[in-house]
Amino acid sequence: MKRRTWTNKEKAAVVLEGLKGRPVAEICLEHQINQSQYYKWRDYFLSNMETVFDAGKPDKTEERLKRENVKLKTCVAELTLELKKSDW
């Protein structure tokens, strides 16, 4: 029998059903998963839920790297222009 692959959205939907108060046994029968699998997904979901609100925000390191990248590109462009001028 082939194992089913679950997307993150599907896992979250299953876990949310249980968090909303639906009996876990009922959820597991409907989705054909073991209760221990549900509880693993739930525990993982709850332990990582603080990152949900960070999804749209770039972190400070990423912002700094983007600024540095712009500076380096500008520097390379200026040096390239200087080289072209010196060749004339």
Protein backbone atom coordinates (compact mmCIF):
# COMPACT_ATOMS: atom_id res chain seq x y z
CA MET A 1 0.00 0.00 0.00
CA LYS A 2 1.33 3.41 -0.98
CA ARG A 3 1.90 5.93 1.80
CA ARG A 4 -0.05 9.14 1.60
CA THR A 5 1.84 12.43 1.44
CA TRP A 6 0.28 15.30 3.36
CA THR A 7 0.85 18.95 2.57
CA ASN A 8 1.40 21.43 5.38
CA LYS A 9 -2.03 22.97 4.68
CA GLU A 10 -3.73 19.60 4.99
CA LYS A 11 -1.94 18.84 8.26
CA ALA A 12 -2.87 22.25 9.68
CA ALA A 13 -6.52 21.77 8.68
CA VAL A 14 -6.65 18.39 10.42
CA VAL A 15 -5.04 19.77 13.58
CA LEU A 16 -7.35 22.80 13.63
CA GLU A 17 -10.39 20.53 13.51
CA GLY A 18 -9.22 18.93 16.74
CA LEU A 19 -8.36 22.25 18.36
CA LYS A 20 -11.87 23.48 17.58
CA GLY A 21 -13.26 20.67 19.73
CA ARG A 22 -14.08 17.89 17.30
CA PRO A 23 -13.30 14.44 18.75
CA VAL A 24 -9.85 13.23 17.71
CA ALA A 25 -11.06 9.68 17.06
CA GLU A 26 -13.64 11.02 14.60
CA ILE A 27 -11.05 13.17 12.80
CA CYS A 28 -8.62 10.29 12.52
CA LEU A 29 -11.26 7.95 11.10
CA GLU A 30 -12.32 10.50 8.52
CA HIS A 31 -8.77 11.26 7.37
CA GLN A 32 -7.54 7.68 7.82
CA ILE A 33 -4.64 8.56 10.12
CA ASN A 34 -3.50 7.11 13.41
CA GLN A 35 -4.25 9.09 16.56
CA SER A 36 -0.56 9.15 17.43
CA GLN A 37 0.09 10.83 14.05
CA TYR A 38 -2.54 13.46 14.85
CA TYR A 39 -0.94 14.18 18.22
CA LYS A 40 2.53 14.49 16.63
CA TRP A 41 1.16 17.02 14.13
CA ARG A 42 -0.67 18.87 16.90
CA ASP A 43 2.40 19.09 19.13
CA TYR A 44 4.55 20.30 16.24
CA PHE A 45 1.88 22.83 15.27
CA LEU A 46 1.60 24.21 18.79
CA SER A 47 5.36 24.37 19.34
CA ASN A 48 5.86 26.40 16.14
CA MET A 49 2.78 28.60 16.13
CA GLU A 50 4.70 31.76 17.15
CA THR A 51 6.36 31.80 13.72
CA VAL A 52 3.02 32.19 11.92
CA PHE A 53 3.01 35.95 12.32
CA ASP A 54 6.64 36.29 11.19
CA ALA A 55 5.94 34.80 7.76
CA GLY A 56 5.48 38.11 5.96
CA LYS A 57 8.23 40.05 7.70
CA PRO A 58 11.82 39.88 6.52
CA ASP A 59 14.26 39.45 9.37
CA LYS A 60 16.91 42.03 10.24
CA THR A 61 19.74 39.98 8.78
CA GLU A 62 17.97 39.76 5.45
CA GLU A 63 17.37 43.54 5.44
CA ARG A 64 21.04 44.21 6.21
CA LEU A 65 22.20 41.85 3.48
CA LYS A 66 19.92 43.51 0.94
CA ARG A 67 21.34 46.96 1.79
CA GLU A 68 24.89 45.63 1.58
CA ASN A 69 24.11 44.02 -1.77
CA VAL A 70 22.88 47.34 -3.18
CA LYS A 71 26.05 49.08 -1.98
CA LEU A 72 28.28 46.43 -3.54
CA LYS A 73 26.43 46.54 -6.85
CA THR A 74 26.79 50.32 -6.92
CA CYS A 75 30.51 50.02 -6.18
CA VAL A 76 31.00 47.46 -8.97
CA ALA A 77 29.10 49.69 -11.41
CA GLU A 78 31.28 52.71 -10.51
CA LEU A 79 34.49 50.72 -10.88
CA THR A 80 33.36 49.34 -14.22
CA LEU A 81 32.71 52.87 -15.48
CA GLU A 82 36.14 53.98 -14.31
CA LEU A 83 37.78 51.07 -16.14
CA LYS A 84 35.93 51.90 -19.34
CA LYS A 85 37.00 55.55 -19.07
CA SER A 86 40.64 54.61 -18.56
CA ASP A 87 40.61 52.40 -21.69
CA TRP A 88 39.76 55.39 -23.91
